[in-house]
PDB file of all heavy atoms in Angstrom:
ATOM      1  N   THR A   1      -3.530  18.524   3.671  1.00  0.00           N
ATOM      2  CA  THR A   1      -2.662  17.357   3.474  1.00  0.00           C
ATOM      3  C   THR A   1      -3.103  16.540   2.254  1.00  0.00           C
ATOM      4  O   THR A   1      -2.282  15.900   1.602  1.00  0.00           O
ATOM      5  CB  THR A   1      -2.672  16.459   4.723  1.00  0.00           C
ATOM      6  OG1 THR A   1      -4.023  16.077   5.046  1.00  0.00           O
ATOM      7  CG2 THR A   1      -2.050  17.186   5.907  1.00  0.00           C
ATOM      8  N   GLY A   2      -4.411  16.574   1.952  1.00  0.00           N
ATOM      9  CA  GLY A   2      -4.890  15.903   0.741  1.00  0.00           C
ATOM     10  C   GLY A   2      -4.347  16.554  -0.513  1.00  0.00           C
ATOM     11  O   GLY A   2      -3.989  15.872  -1.478  1.00  0.00           O
ATOM     12  N   LEU A   3      -4.293  17.885  -0.505  1.00  0.00           N
ATOM     13  CA  LEU A   3      -3.711  18.603  -1.640  1.00  0.00           C
ATOM     14  C   LEU A   3      -2.227  18.305  -1.772  1.00  0.00           C
ATOM     15  O   LEU A   3      -1.719  18.091  -2.889  1.00  0.00           O
ATOM     16  CB  LEU A   3      -3.929  20.107  -1.456  1.00  0.00           C
ATOM     17  CG  LEU A   3      -3.358  21.020  -2.545  1.00  0.00           C
ATOM     18  CD1 LEU A   3      -3.992  20.716  -3.900  1.00  0.00           C
ATOM     19  CD2 LEU A   3      -3.577  22.498  -2.178  1.00  0.00           C
ATOM     20  N   LEU A   4      -1.533  18.246  -0.635  1.00  0.00           N
ATOM     21  CA  LEU A   4      -0.115  17.890  -0.644  1.00  0.00           C
ATOM     22  C   LEU A   4       0.080  16.476  -1.176  1.00  0.00           C
ATOM     23  O   LEU A   4       1.012  16.199  -1.947  1.00  0.00           O
ATOM     24  CB  LEU A   4       0.448  18.016   0.768  1.00  0.00           C
ATOM     25  CG  LEU A   4       1.928  17.657   0.958  1.00  0.00           C
ATOM     26  CD1 LEU A   4       2.810  18.587   0.138  1.00  0.00           C
ATOM     27  CD2 LEU A   4       2.300  17.727   2.438  1.00  0.00           C
ATOM     28  N   ARG A   5      -0.815  15.579  -0.784  1.00  0.00           N
ATOM     29  CA  ARG A   5      -0.765  14.191  -1.272  1.00  0.00           C
ATOM     30  C   ARG A   5      -0.857  14.138  -2.786  1.00  0.00           C
ATOM     31  O   ARG A   5      -0.050  13.449  -3.440  1.00  0.00           O
ATOM     32  CB  ARG A   5      -1.918  13.401  -0.647  1.00  0.00           C
ATOM     33  CG  ARG A   5      -2.074  11.985  -1.161  1.00  0.00           C
ATOM     34  CD  ARG A   5      -3.455  11.459  -0.817  1.00  0.00           C
ATOM     35  NE  ARG A   5      -4.486  12.090  -1.634  1.00  0.00           N
ATOM     36  CZ  ARG A   5      -5.793  12.005  -1.394  1.00  0.00           C
ATOM     37  NH1 ARG A   5      -6.228  11.350  -0.332  1.00  0.00           N
ATOM     38  NH2 ARG A   5      -6.653  12.586  -2.200  1.00  0.00           N
ATOM     39  N   GLU A   6      -1.821  14.840  -3.351  1.00  0.00           N
ATOM     40  CA  GLU A   6      -1.992  14.824  -4.802  1.00  0.00           C
ATOM     41  C   GLU A   6      -0.775  15.409  -5.515  1.00  0.00           C
ATOM     42  O   GLU A   6      -0.365  14.916  -6.570  1.00  0.00           O
ATOM     43  CB  GLU A   6      -3.252  15.598  -5.193  1.00  0.00           C
ATOM     44  CG  GLU A   6      -4.549  14.984  -4.687  1.00  0.00           C
ATOM     45  CD  GLU A   6      -4.742  13.570  -5.205  1.00  0.00           C
ATOM     46  OE1 GLU A   6      -4.463  13.322  -6.393  1.00  0.00           O
ATOM     47  OE2 GLU A   6      -5.168  12.709  -4.413  1.00  0.00           O
ATOM     48  N   SER A   7      -0.204  16.459  -4.949  1.00  0.00           N
ATOM     49  CA  SER A   7       0.983  17.073  -5.556  1.00  0.00           C
ATOM     50  C   SER A   7       2.168  16.114  -5.546  1.00  0.00           C
ATOM     51  O   SER A   7       2.908  16.005  -6.530  1.00  0.00           O
ATOM     52  CB  SER A   7       1.341  18.365  -4.804  1.00  0.00           C
ATOM     53  OG  SER A   7       0.286  19.296  -4.863  1.00  0.00           O
ATOM     54  N   ILE A   8       2.341  15.406  -4.436  1.00  0.00           N
ATOM     55  CA  ILE A   8       3.462  14.461  -4.324  1.00  0.00           C
ATOM     56  C   ILE A   8       3.266  13.283  -5.274  1.00  0.00           C
ATOM     57  O   ILE A   8       4.225  12.819  -5.922  1.00  0.00           O
ATOM     58  CB  ILE A   8       3.614  13.991  -2.869  1.00  0.00           C
ATOM     59  CG1 ILE A   8       4.136  15.143  -2.014  1.00  0.00           C
ATOM     60  CG2 ILE A   8       4.553  12.786  -2.780  1.00  0.00           C
ATOM     61  CD1 ILE A   8       4.252  14.833  -0.540  1.00  0.00           C
ATOM     62  N   LEU A   9       2.035  12.778  -5.385  1.00  0.00           N
ATOM     63  CA  LEU A   9       1.781  11.677  -6.318  1.00  0.00           C
ATOM     64  C   LEU A   9       2.091  12.090  -7.749  1.00  0.00           C
ATOM     65  O   LEU A   9       2.675  11.323  -8.526  1.00  0.00           O
ATOM     66  CB  LEU A   9       0.321  11.218  -6.212  1.00  0.00           C
ATOM     67  CG  LEU A   9      -0.081  10.475  -4.936  1.00  0.00           C
ATOM     68  CD1 LEU A   9      -1.536  10.036  -5.031  1.00  0.00           C
ATOM     69  CD2 LEU A   9       0.811   9.279  -4.683  1.00  0.00           C
ATOM     70  N   ALA A  10       1.695  13.316  -8.095  1.00  0.00           N
ATOM     71  CA  ALA A  10       1.973  13.805  -9.446  1.00  0.00           C
ATOM     72  C   ALA A  10       3.467  13.978  -9.670  1.00  0.00           C
ATOM     73  O   ALA A  10       3.984  13.706 -10.768  1.00  0.00           O
ATOM     74  CB  ALA A  10       1.244  15.129  -9.674  1.00  0.00           C
ATOM     75  N   TRP A  11       4.166  14.405  -8.634  1.00  0.00           N
ATOM     76  CA  TRP A  11       5.606  14.622  -8.755  1.00  0.00           C
ATOM     77  C   TRP A  11       6.366  13.302  -8.852  1.00  0.00           C
ATOM     78  O   TRP A  11       7.291  13.151  -9.649  1.00  0.00           O
ATOM     79  CB  TRP A  11       6.097  15.430  -7.553  1.00  0.00           C
ATOM     80  CG  TRP A  11       7.583  15.603  -7.512  1.00  0.00           C
ATOM     81  CD1 TRP A  11       8.385  16.173  -8.464  1.00  0.00           C
ATOM     82  CD2 TRP A  11       8.460  15.196  -6.453  1.00  0.00           C
ATOM     83  NE1 TRP A  11       9.703  16.147  -8.064  1.00  0.00           N
ATOM     84  CE2 TRP A  11       9.778  15.566  -6.845  1.00  0.00           C
ATOM     85  CE3 TRP A  11       8.264  14.573  -5.223  1.00  0.00           C
ATOM     86  CZ2 TRP A  11      10.880  15.319  -6.029  1.00  0.00           C
ATOM     87  CZ3 TRP A  11       9.369  14.328  -4.419  1.00  0.00           C
ATOM     88  CH2 TRP A  11      10.658  14.697  -4.818  1.00  0.00           C
ATOM     89  N   VAL A  12       5.978  12.325  -8.046  1.00  0.00           N
ATOM     90  CA  VAL A  12       6.697  11.052  -8.002  1.00  0.00           C
ATOM     91  C   VAL A  12       6.372  10.173  -9.205  1.00  0.00           C
ATOM     92  O   VAL A  12       7.259   9.595  -9.843  1.00  0.00           O
ATOM     93  CB  VAL A  12       6.389  10.302  -6.695  1.00  0.00           C
ATOM     94  CG1 VAL A  12       7.013   8.901  -6.717  1.00  0.00           C
ATOM     95  CG2 VAL A  12       6.914  11.085  -5.498  1.00  0.00           C
ATOM     96  N   PHE A  13       5.075  10.069  -9.539  1.00  0.00           N
ATOM     97  CA  PHE A  13       4.652   9.113 -10.560  1.00  0.00           C
ATOM     98  C   PHE A  13       4.317   9.763 -11.908  1.00  0.00           C
ATOM     99  O   PHE A  13       4.377   9.098 -12.939  1.00  0.00           O
ATOM    100  CB  PHE A  13       3.426   8.329 -10.061  1.00  0.00           C
ATOM    101  CG  PHE A  13       3.704   7.493  -8.857  1.00  0.00           C
ATOM    102  CD1 PHE A  13       3.346   7.938  -7.595  1.00  0.00           C
ATOM    103  CD2 PHE A  13       4.336   6.273  -8.968  1.00  0.00           C
ATOM    104  CE1 PHE A  13       3.601   7.174  -6.470  1.00  0.00           C
ATOM    105  CE2 PHE A  13       4.601   5.493  -7.852  1.00  0.00           C
ATOM    106  CZ  PHE A  13       4.230   5.959  -6.596  1.00  0.00           C
ATOM    107  N   GLY A  14       3.962  11.047 -11.886  1.00  0.00           N
ATOM    108  CA  GLY A  14       3.597  11.712 -13.136  1.00  0.00           C
ATOM    109  C   GLY A  14       2.408  11.027 -13.790  1.00  0.00           C
ATOM    110  O   GLY A  14       1.543  10.458 -13.135  1.00  0.00           O
ATOM    111  N   SER A  15       2.378  11.088 -15.106  1.00  0.00           N
ATOM    112  CA  SER A  15       1.330  10.415 -15.866  1.00  0.00           C
ATOM    113  C   SER A  15       1.863   9.062 -16.327  1.00  0.00           C
ATOM    114  O   SER A  15       2.380   8.929 -17.438  1.00  0.00           O
ATOM    115  CB  SER A  15       0.905  11.270 -17.074  1.00  0.00           C
ATOM    116  OG  SER A  15      -0.106  10.623 -17.803  1.00  0.00           O
ATOM    117  N   SER A  16       1.733   8.072 -15.452  1.00  0.00           N
ATOM    118  CA  SER A  16       2.329   6.766 -15.733  1.00  0.00           C
ATOM    119  C   SER A  16       1.253   5.684 -15.785  1.00  0.00           C
ATOM    120  O   SER A  16       0.162   5.834 -15.238  1.00  0.00           O
ATOM    121  CB  SER A  16       3.359   6.409 -14.658  1.00  0.00           C
ATOM    122  OG  SER A  16       2.735   6.254 -13.401  1.00  0.00           O
ATOM    123  N   LYS A  17       1.577   4.594 -16.439  1.00  0.00           N
ATOM    124  CA  LYS A  17       0.655   3.464 -16.517  1.00  0.00           C
ATOM    125  C   LYS A  17       0.443   2.837 -15.144  1.00  0.00           C
ATOM    126  O   LYS A  17      -0.658   2.380 -14.831  1.00  0.00           O
ATOM    127  CB  LYS A  17       1.201   2.422 -17.495  1.00  0.00           C
ATOM    128  CG  LYS A  17       1.280   2.905 -18.938  1.00  0.00           C
ATOM    129  CD  LYS A  17       1.850   1.821 -19.841  1.00  0.00           C
ATOM    130  CE  LYS A  17       1.936   2.305 -21.280  1.00  0.00           C
ATOM    131  NZ  LYS A  17       2.505   1.269 -22.188  1.00  0.00           N
ATOM    132  N   ASP A  18       1.495   2.820 -14.343  1.00  0.00           N
ATOM    133  CA  ASP A  18       1.365   2.253 -13.002  1.00  0.00           C
ATOM    134  C   ASP A  18       0.392   3.056 -12.154  1.00  0.00           C
ATOM    135  O   ASP A  18      -0.429   2.498 -11.415  1.00  0.00           O
ATOM    136  CB  ASP A  18       2.727   2.197 -12.315  1.00  0.00           C
ATOM    137  CG  ASP A  18       3.575   1.046 -12.828  1.00  0.00           C
ATOM    138  OD1 ASP A  18       3.118   0.322 -13.730  1.00  0.00           O
ATOM    139  OD2 ASP A  18       4.704   0.877 -12.325  1.00  0.00           O
ATOM    140  N   LEU A  19       0.474   4.382 -12.244  1.00  0.00           N
ATOM    141  CA  LEU A  19      -0.443   5.228 -11.474  1.00  0.00           C
ATOM    142  C   LEU A  19      -1.873   5.058 -11.970  1.00  0.00           C
ATOM    143  O   LEU A  19      -2.820   5.051 -11.168  1.00  0.00           O
ATOM    144  CB  LEU A  19      -0.019   6.689 -11.546  1.00  0.00           C
ATOM    145  CG  LEU A  19      -0.851   7.656 -10.691  1.00  0.00           C
ATOM    146  CD1 LEU A  19      -0.764   7.272  -9.212  1.00  0.00           C
ATOM    147  CD2 LEU A  19      -0.390   9.101 -10.886  1.00  0.00           C
ATOM    148  N   ASP A  20      -2.058   4.918 -13.277  1.00  0.00           N
ATOM    149  CA  ASP A  20      -3.397   4.656 -13.820  1.00  0.00           C
ATOM    150  C   ASP A  20      -3.974   3.371 -13.233  1.00  0.00           C
ATOM    151  O   ASP A  20      -5.143   3.318 -12.839  1.00  0.00           O
ATOM    152  CB  ASP A  20      -3.347   4.545 -15.344  1.00  0.00           C
ATOM    153  CG  ASP A  20      -3.083   5.881 -16.018  1.00  0.00           C
ATOM    154  OD1 ASP A  20      -3.278   6.915 -15.364  1.00  0.00           O
ATOM    155  OD2 ASP A  20      -2.674   5.880 -17.195  1.00  0.00           O
ATOM    156  N   ALA A  21      -3.145   2.340 -13.173  1.00  0.00           N
ATOM    157  CA  ALA A  21      -3.589   1.065 -12.608  1.00  0.00           C
ATOM    158  C   ALA A  21      -3.948   1.219 -11.135  1.00  0.00           C
ATOM    159  O   ALA A  21      -4.954   0.672 -10.665  1.00  0.00           O
ATOM    160  CB  ALA A  21      -2.496   0.012 -12.784  1.00  0.00           C
ATOM    161  N   PHE A  22      -3.138   1.985 -10.404  1.00  0.00           N
ATOM    162  CA  PHE A  22      -3.411   2.199  -8.984  1.00  0.00           C
ATOM    163  C   PHE A  22      -4.717   2.954  -8.776  1.00  0.00           C
ATOM    164  O   PHE A  22      -5.514   2.607  -7.891  1.00  0.00           O
ATOM    165  CB  PHE A  22      -2.259   2.975  -8.342  1.00  0.00           C
ATOM    166  CG  PHE A  22      -2.565   3.451  -6.950  1.00  0.00           C
ATOM    167  CD1 PHE A  22      -2.427   2.592  -5.871  1.00  0.00           C
ATOM    168  CD2 PHE A  22      -3.009   4.746  -6.720  1.00  0.00           C
ATOM    169  CE1 PHE A  22      -2.728   3.014  -4.585  1.00  0.00           C
ATOM    170  CE2 PHE A  22      -3.316   5.180  -5.440  1.00  0.00           C
ATOM    171  CZ  PHE A  22      -3.165   4.314  -4.372  1.00  0.00           C
ATOM    172  N   LEU A  23      -4.949   3.995  -9.560  1.00  0.00           N
ATOM    173  CA  LEU A  23      -6.157   4.802  -9.390  1.00  0.00           C
ATOM    174  C   LEU A  23      -7.421   3.982  -9.646  1.00  0.00           C
ATOM    175  O   LEU A  23      -8.427   4.135  -8.943  1.00  0.00           O
ATOM    176  CB  LEU A  23      -6.107   6.019 -10.322  1.00  0.00           C
ATOM    177  CG  LEU A  23      -5.025   7.051 -10.001  1.00  0.00           C
ATOM    178  CD1 LEU A  23      -5.006   8.152 -11.048  1.00  0.00           C
ATOM    179  CD2 LEU A  23      -5.234   7.642  -8.603  1.00  0.00           C
ATOM    180  N   ILE A  24      -7.366   3.114 -10.638  1.00  0.00           N
ATOM    181  CA  ILE A  24      -8.516   2.251 -10.909  1.00  0.00           C
ATOM    182  C   ILE A  24      -8.689   1.239  -9.784  1.00  0.00           C
ATOM    183  O   ILE A  24      -9.801   1.018  -9.288  1.00  0.00           O
ATOM    184  CB  ILE A  24      -8.350   1.540 -12.261  1.00  0.00           C
ATOM    185  CG1 ILE A  24      -8.410   2.553 -13.400  1.00  0.00           C
ATOM    186  CG2 ILE A  24      -9.425   0.475 -12.453  1.00  0.00           C
ATOM    187  CD1 ILE A  24      -8.097   1.973 -14.751  1.00  0.00           C
ATOM    188  N   ALA A  25      -7.589   0.638  -9.367  1.00  0.00           N
ATOM    189  CA  ALA A  25      -7.655  -0.346  -8.286  1.00  0.00           C
ATOM    190  C   ALA A  25      -8.141   0.289  -6.988  1.00  0.00           C
ATOM    191  O   ALA A  25      -8.917  -0.314  -6.240  1.00  0.00           O
ATOM    192  CB  ALA A  25      -6.279  -0.977  -8.079  1.00  0.00           C
ATOM    193  N   ASN A  26      -7.711   1.505  -6.730  1.00  0.00           N
ATOM    194  CA  ASN A  26      -8.103   2.199  -5.510  1.00  0.00           C
ATOM    195  C   ASN A  26      -9.569   2.618  -5.549  1.00  0.00           C
ATOM    196  O   ASN A  26     -10.232   2.712  -4.513  1.00  0.00           O
ATOM    197  CB  ASN A  26      -7.217   3.427  -5.301  1.00  0.00           C
ATOM    198  CG  ASN A  26      -7.324   3.983  -3.906  1.00  0.00           C
ATOM    199  OD1 ASN A  26      -7.466   3.242  -2.935  1.00  0.00           O
ATOM    200  ND2 ASN A  26      -7.250   5.292  -3.784  1.00  0.00           N
ATOM    201  N   ARG A  27     -10.077   2.861  -6.750  1.00  0.00           N
ATOM    202  CA  ARG A  27     -11.458   3.322  -6.890  1.00  0.00           C
ATOM    203  C   ARG A  27     -12.463   2.217  -6.568  1.00  0.00           C
ATOM    204  O   ARG A  27     -13.545   2.496  -6.041  1.00  0.00           O
ATOM    205  CB  ARG A  27     -11.683   3.821  -8.330  1.00  0.00           C
ATOM    206  CG  ARG A  27     -13.053   4.442  -8.545  1.00  0.00           C
ATOM    207  CD  ARG A  27     -13.281   5.581  -7.596  1.00  0.00           C
ATOM    208  NE  ARG A  27     -14.651   6.062  -7.626  1.00  0.00           N
ATOM    209  CZ  ARG A  27     -15.228   6.717  -6.634  1.00  0.00           C
ATOM    210  NH1 ARG A  27     -14.556   6.969  -5.533  1.00  0.00           N
ATOM    211  NH2 ARG A  27     -16.481   7.130  -6.725  1.00  0.00           N
ATOM    212  N   ILE A  28     -12.130   0.979  -6.857  1.00  0.00           N
ATOM    213  CA  ILE A  28     -13.085  -0.124  -6.669  1.00  0.00           C
ATOM    214  C   ILE A  28     -13.464  -0.292  -5.197  1.00  0.00           C
ATOM    215  O   ILE A  28     -14.659  -0.259  -4.859  1.00  0.00           O
ATOM    216  CB  ILE A  28     -12.526  -1.417  -7.275  1.00  0.00           C
ATOM    217  CG1 ILE A  28     -12.455  -1.268  -8.805  1.00  0.00           C
ATOM    218  CG2 ILE A  28     -13.384  -2.614  -6.896  1.00  0.00           C
ATOM    219  CD1 ILE A  28     -11.762  -2.415  -9.512  1.00  0.00           C
TER     220      ILE A  28
END
């Protein structure tokens, strides 16, 4: 399900500035 999660995130958001912001925010 983690692999499915990553695939869906890539499909929905792609390489976007919003996703970059989320990944940094989620990492903290």
